[in-house]
Amino acid sequence: MLRYFMGFLRKSTLAAAVLTAGFSASASADYQYGFGNVSISRLDWTDKTEDHTKNRKKDFTFLEIEGGAGFDWGEVYGFFDLENPHKSNEESDGDGRRTAMKGTLRYNLGQTGFNIYGHIYDFSSAGFDEQNRLLGVGFNYQNANFFWKPFVAANNTETTFFSGYNGLVAGWVLGYNFNLLEQNFMFTNWHEYEFDRDTQYQEGKKDGQNGAVALWWNANKKITLGIQYRYADDKLGESTYQDGMVYTLKYNL
């Protein structure tokens, strides 16, 4: 586990620098909101996905730390996942311990609703690593119950087998809060569409999809339960469509 943690720190220096700069700037900026949580989740791939990936995609449990904050200048968000925490990082067939993290920064362009958008996603496992570095432009829309935050960005990718410019990514995050039977729920969706990728990446597939649709039940201020439909196409190391369900228990800090 120590080797994984040190590898994560080594590869994520730029992400840490971006987030640190964002939080440091908050000392002279107006704080608007913030959140954080820890969670445990189980991803259950469909039988079809397991068959099409020749059983390389296997169900797994993961622990997550997640948080974000908004200021008058923009916002920051990040998470760190430890997948298969109960297993050895040397287990074969891609079923050992792994880490994944993401750091996102949006810097507002005045009061236009547009922002400079950047994110770093890093995945590390025994025998394979990948880091995606995105820089582009985003837009924020929000009202009392709904938010939508699209972006388009250039993608620089570094993997065990590829390094360099890797096309563009367009995507969004959105959420809708609502009450039903006197209970509070939230619908969320994140989606990323990669296009014009390098022919040396992902077996030459130029496009790829990645995302999730989720329903969250805020049982109280501290406990949130969620169910997600997770999907990807020509992504996550596989040149096929993959989907499954994620079941999550969160403790809100």
Protein backbone atom coordinates (compact mmCIF):
# COMPACT_ATOMS: atom_id res chain seq x y z
CA MET A 1 0.00 0.00 0.00
CA LEU A 2 2.91 2.37 0.79
CA ARG A 3 4.32 1.99 -2.74
CA TYR A 4 0.92 2.89 -4.21
CA PHE A 5 0.59 5.93 -1.96
CA MET A 6 4.08 7.20 -2.81
CA GLY A 7 3.47 6.61 -6.51
CA PHE A 8 0.28 8.60 -6.25
CA LEU A 9 2.10 11.51 -4.61
CA ARG A 10 4.88 11.42 -7.21
CA LYS A 11 2.58 11.40 -10.23
CA SER A 12 0.08 13.90 -8.85
CA THR A 13 2.40 16.81 -8.10
CA LEU A 14 0.72 19.05 -10.67
CA ALA A 15 -2.76 18.20 -9.40
CA ALA A 16 -1.69 18.94 -5.84
CA ALA A 17 -0.17 22.24 -6.96
CA VAL A 18 -3.39 23.29 -8.71
CA LEU A 19 -5.57 22.47 -5.71
CA THR A 20 -3.13 24.03 -3.24
CA ALA A 21 -3.08 27.22 -5.28
CA GLY A 22 -6.85 27.27 -5.27
CA PHE A 23 -7.18 26.82 -1.52
CA SER A 24 -4.36 29.28 -0.83
CA ALA A 25 -6.14 31.92 -2.87
CA SER A 26 -9.18 31.50 -0.64
CA ALA A 27 -7.40 33.41 2.12
CA SER A 28 -8.14 36.64 0.25
CA ALA A 29 -11.34 35.52 -1.45
CA ASP A 30 -14.95 35.16 -0.39
CA TYR A 31 -15.77 31.59 0.58
CA GLN A 32 -19.18 30.56 -0.82
CA TYR A 33 -19.64 26.86 -0.15
CA GLY A 34 -17.82 23.66 0.65
CA PHE A 35 -18.43 19.95 1.15
CA GLY A 36 -16.59 16.77 1.97
CA ASN A 37 -17.35 13.11 2.53
CA VAL A 38 -15.88 9.65 2.90
CA SER A 39 -17.61 6.65 1.34
CA ILE A 40 -17.51 2.95 0.59
CA SER A 41 -18.85 1.66 -2.73
CA ARG A 42 -19.27 -1.58 -4.65
CA LEU A 43 -19.12 -1.63 -8.47
CA ASP A 44 -20.98 -4.60 -9.99
CA TRP A 45 -20.21 -5.00 -13.69
CA THR A 46 -22.88 -6.61 -15.87
CA ASP A 47 -22.36 -10.18 -17.03
CA LYS A 48 -22.22 -8.87 -20.60
CA THR A 49 -19.37 -6.54 -19.70
CA GLU A 50 -17.43 -9.31 -17.99
CA ASP A 51 -17.92 -11.59 -21.02
CA HIS A 52 -16.95 -8.94 -23.59
CA THR A 53 -13.81 -8.00 -21.66
CA LYS A 54 -12.85 -11.68 -21.25
CA ASN A 55 -13.33 -11.32 -17.51
CA ARG A 56 -10.75 -8.53 -17.22
CA LYS A 57 -13.46 -6.31 -15.75
CA LYS A 58 -14.27 -7.71 -12.31
CA ASP A 59 -16.52 -6.43 -9.53
CA PHE A 60 -14.67 -4.47 -6.86
CA THR A 61 -15.05 -2.45 -3.67
CA PHE A 62 -13.52 1.01 -3.28
CA LEU A 63 -13.04 3.61 -0.56
CA GLU A 64 -13.26 7.29 -1.48
CA ILE A 65 -12.44 10.68 -0.01
CA GLU A 66 -14.20 13.52 -1.88
CA GLY A 67 -14.47 17.27 -1.41
CA GLY A 68 -14.92 20.62 -3.08
CA ALA A 69 -15.27 24.34 -2.40
CA GLY A 70 -16.48 27.47 -4.16
CA PHE A 71 -15.11 31.00 -3.90
CA ASP A 72 -15.80 34.30 -5.62
CA TRP A 73 -12.91 33.57 -8.04
CA GLY A 74 -13.97 30.01 -8.92
CA GLU A 75 -14.10 26.51 -7.50
CA VAL A 76 -12.04 23.39 -6.78
CA TYR A 77 -13.03 19.73 -6.53
CA GLY A 78 -11.21 16.47 -5.97
CA PHE A 79 -11.42 12.83 -4.96
CA PHE A 80 -9.09 9.96 -4.12
CA ASP A 81 -10.16 6.31 -4.51
CA LEU A 82 -8.54 3.18 -3.14
CA GLU A 83 -9.88 0.23 -5.12
CA ASN A 84 -9.74 -3.33 -3.76
CA PRO A 85 -8.28 -2.07 -0.46
CA HIS A 86 -8.40 -5.58 1.01
CA LYS A 87 -6.27 -7.12 -1.77
CA SER A 88 -2.60 -7.20 -2.65
CA ASN A 89 -1.33 -4.83 -5.34
CA GLU A 90 0.43 -7.76 -6.98
CA GLU A 91 -2.67 -9.86 -7.70
CA SER A 92 -2.98 -10.87 -11.35
CA ASP A 93 -5.59 -10.17 -14.06
CA GLY A 94 -5.99 -6.53 -13.04
CA ASP A 95 -7.82 -7.52 -9.87
CA GLY A 96 -5.36 -6.18 -7.31
CA ARG A 97 -5.26 -2.98 -5.32
CA ARG A 98 -5.45 0.22 -7.41
CA THR A 99 -5.70 3.98 -6.90
CA ALA A 100 -7.57 6.67 -8.81
CA MET A 101 -7.73 10.40 -8.22
CA LYS A 102 -9.05 13.55 -9.83
CA GLY A 103 -8.43 17.25 -9.20
CA THR A 104 -10.51 19.93 -10.94
CA LEU A 105 -10.16 23.72 -11.00
CA ARG A 106 -12.46 26.34 -12.54
CA TYR A 107 -11.27 29.96 -12.59
CA ASN A 108 -14.04 32.44 -13.34
CA LEU A 109 -13.74 34.84 -16.27
CA GLY A 110 -15.40 37.80 -14.59
CA GLN A 111 -19.19 37.56 -14.28
CA THR A 112 -19.69 35.93 -17.69
CA GLY A 113 -20.42 32.43 -16.39
CA PHE A 114 -17.42 31.14 -18.36
CA ASN A 115 -14.27 29.87 -16.67
CA ILE A 116 -10.82 28.50 -17.38
CA TYR A 117 -11.16 24.76 -16.82
CA GLY A 118 -8.47 22.29 -15.86
CA HIS A 119 -8.42 18.80 -14.45
CA ILE A 120 -6.01 15.96 -13.83
CA TYR A 121 -7.12 12.35 -13.58
CA ASP A 122 -4.62 9.73 -12.44
CA PHE A 123 -5.02 5.94 -12.34
CA SER A 124 -2.38 3.55 -11.02
CA SER A 125 -2.28 -0.25 -10.82
CA ALA A 126 0.31 -3.02 -10.95
CA GLY A 127 1.66 -2.95 -14.49
CA PHE A 128 -0.31 0.03 -15.82
CA ASP A 129 -0.57 3.77 -15.08
CA GLU A 130 -2.44 6.55 -16.84
CA GLN A 131 -2.71 10.29 -16.27
CA ASN A 132 -4.97 12.66 -18.26
CA ARG A 133 -4.24 16.41 -18.07
CA LEU A 134 -7.00 18.66 -19.43
CA LEU A 135 -7.00 22.41 -20.03
CA GLY A 136 -9.76 24.37 -21.72
CA VAL A 137 -12.86 26.44 -21.08
CA GLY A 138 -16.00 25.74 -19.06
CA PHE A 139 -19.33 27.32 -18.21
CA ASN A 140 -21.40 27.31 -15.01
CA TYR A 141 -25.19 27.56 -14.81
CA GLN A 142 -27.09 27.24 -11.54
CA ASN A 143 -30.49 28.04 -10.05
CA ALA A 144 -32.18 27.06 -6.78
CA ASN A 145 -32.41 23.32 -7.58
CA PHE A 146 -30.33 22.66 -10.69
CA PHE A 147 -26.74 23.09 -11.83
CA TRP A 148 -25.01 22.33 -15.15
CA LYS A 149 -21.27 22.74 -15.73
CA PRO A 150 -20.08 21.82 -19.25
CA PHE A 151 -16.50 22.10 -20.55
CA VAL A 152 -14.31 21.42 -23.58
CA ALA A 153 -10.57 20.93 -23.21
CA ALA A 154 -7.37 19.70 -24.86
CA ASN A 155 -6.14 16.36 -23.51
CA ASN A 156 -2.53 15.47 -22.76
CA THR A 157 -2.23 11.80 -21.84
CA GLU A 158 0.61 9.84 -20.30
CA THR A 159 0.30 6.07 -19.92
CA THR A 160 2.62 3.10 -19.61
CA PHE A 161 2.39 2.75 -23.42
CA PHE A 162 1.63 6.27 -24.74
CA SER A 163 2.56 9.90 -24.05
CA GLY A 164 1.51 13.15 -25.74
CA TYR A 165 -1.36 15.18 -27.12
CA ASN A 166 -4.47 13.02 -27.27
CA GLY A 167 -7.26 15.05 -28.85
CA LEU A 168 -10.10 16.86 -27.11
CA VAL A 169 -12.58 16.13 -24.35
CA ALA A 170 -16.07 17.60 -24.03
CA GLY A 171 -18.16 16.89 -20.98
CA TRP A 172 -20.25 18.11 -18.09
CA VAL A 173 -21.47 17.55 -14.58
CA LEU A 174 -25.08 18.28 -13.66
CA GLY A 175 -27.35 17.83 -10.68
CA TYR A 176 -30.98 18.33 -9.68
CA ASN A 177 -32.26 18.47 -6.09
CA PHE A 178 -35.83 17.46 -5.31
CA ASN A 179 -38.06 16.27 -2.47
CA LEU A 180 -40.27 13.18 -2.61
CA LEU A 181 -42.39 11.81 0.24
CA GLU A 182 -40.75 14.37 2.53
CA GLN A 183 -37.29 12.98 1.69
CA ASN A 184 -34.45 14.83 -0.02
CA PHE A 185 -32.96 13.37 -3.22
CA MET A 186 -30.48 14.43 -5.88
CA PHE A 187 -30.12 13.25 -9.48
CA THR A 188 -26.62 13.66 -10.94
CA ASN A 189 -24.84 12.87 -14.18
CA TRP A 190 -21.24 13.26 -15.28
CA HIS A 191 -20.15 12.53 -18.81
CA GLU A 192 -16.95 12.83 -20.83
CA TYR A 193 -16.64 12.39 -24.59
CA GLU A 194 -13.10 12.01 -25.93
CA PHE A 195 -12.59 12.61 -29.65
CA ASP A 196 -9.80 12.91 -32.21
CA ARG A 197 -7.59 10.75 -30.01
CA ASP A 198 -4.16 9.62 -31.19
CA THR A 199 -4.22 6.42 -33.23
CA GLN A 200 -1.66 4.86 -30.88
CA TYR A 201 -4.07 5.16 -27.94
CA GLN A 202 -6.85 2.66 -27.10
CA GLU A 203 -6.17 0.38 -30.07
CA GLY A 204 -6.62 3.23 -32.53
CA LYS A 205 -10.20 4.06 -31.47
CA LYS A 206 -10.58 7.80 -32.13
CA ASP A 207 -13.56 8.37 -29.82
CA GLY A 208 -14.49 7.25 -26.32
CA GLN A 209 -17.28 7.75 -23.77
CA ASN A 210 -17.15 7.67 -19.98
CA GLY A 211 -19.71 8.60 -17.32
CA ALA A 212 -22.36 7.76 -14.75
CA VAL A 213 -25.99 8.55 -13.91
CA ALA A 214 -26.84 8.53 -10.20
CA LEU A 215 -29.67 8.91 -7.70
CA TRP A 216 -28.73 9.99 -4.17
CA TRP A 217 -30.92 9.83 -1.05
CA ASN A 218 -29.86 12.25 1.67
CA ALA A 219 -31.22 10.29 4.61
CA ASN A 220 -29.98 12.98 7.02
CA LYS A 221 -27.19 15.56 7.22
CA LYS A 222 -24.54 12.90 7.76
CA ILE A 223 -25.68 9.86 5.74
CA THR A 224 -26.22 9.63 1.97
CA LEU A 225 -27.07 6.47 0.03
CA GLY A 226 -26.58 6.28 -3.73
CA ILE A 227 -27.08 4.04 -6.73
CA GLN A 228 -25.31 4.75 -10.02
CA TYR A 229 -25.41 3.40 -13.55
CA ARG A 230 -21.76 3.41 -14.63
CA TYR A 231 -20.89 3.24 -18.35
CA ALA A 232 -17.92 3.54 -20.69
CA ASP A 233 -17.27 2.84 -24.37
CA ASP A 234 -13.79 2.41 -25.88
CA LYS A 235 -12.40 3.61 -22.55
CA LEU A 236 -11.06 2.18 -19.27
CA GLY A 237 -8.61 0.02 -21.17
CA GLU A 238 -11.27 -1.82 -23.20
CA SER A 239 -12.37 -1.41 -26.83
CA THR A 240 -15.99 -2.28 -26.10
CA TYR A 241 -19.02 -0.97 -24.22
CA GLN A 242 -18.91 -1.54 -20.46
CA ASP A 243 -21.60 -0.91 -17.86
CA GLY A 244 -22.52 -1.77 -14.31
CA MET A 245 -24.13 -0.56 -11.09
CA VAL A 246 -22.41 1.22 -8.20
CA TYR A 247 -23.87 1.07 -4.67
CA THR A 248 -22.56 3.73 -2.26
CA LEU A 249 -22.77 4.65 1.42
CA LYS A 250 -21.44 8.15 2.22
CA TYR A 251 -20.65 9.85 5.50
CA ASN A 252 -20.80 13.62 5.05
CA LEU A 253 -18.19 15.58 6.98
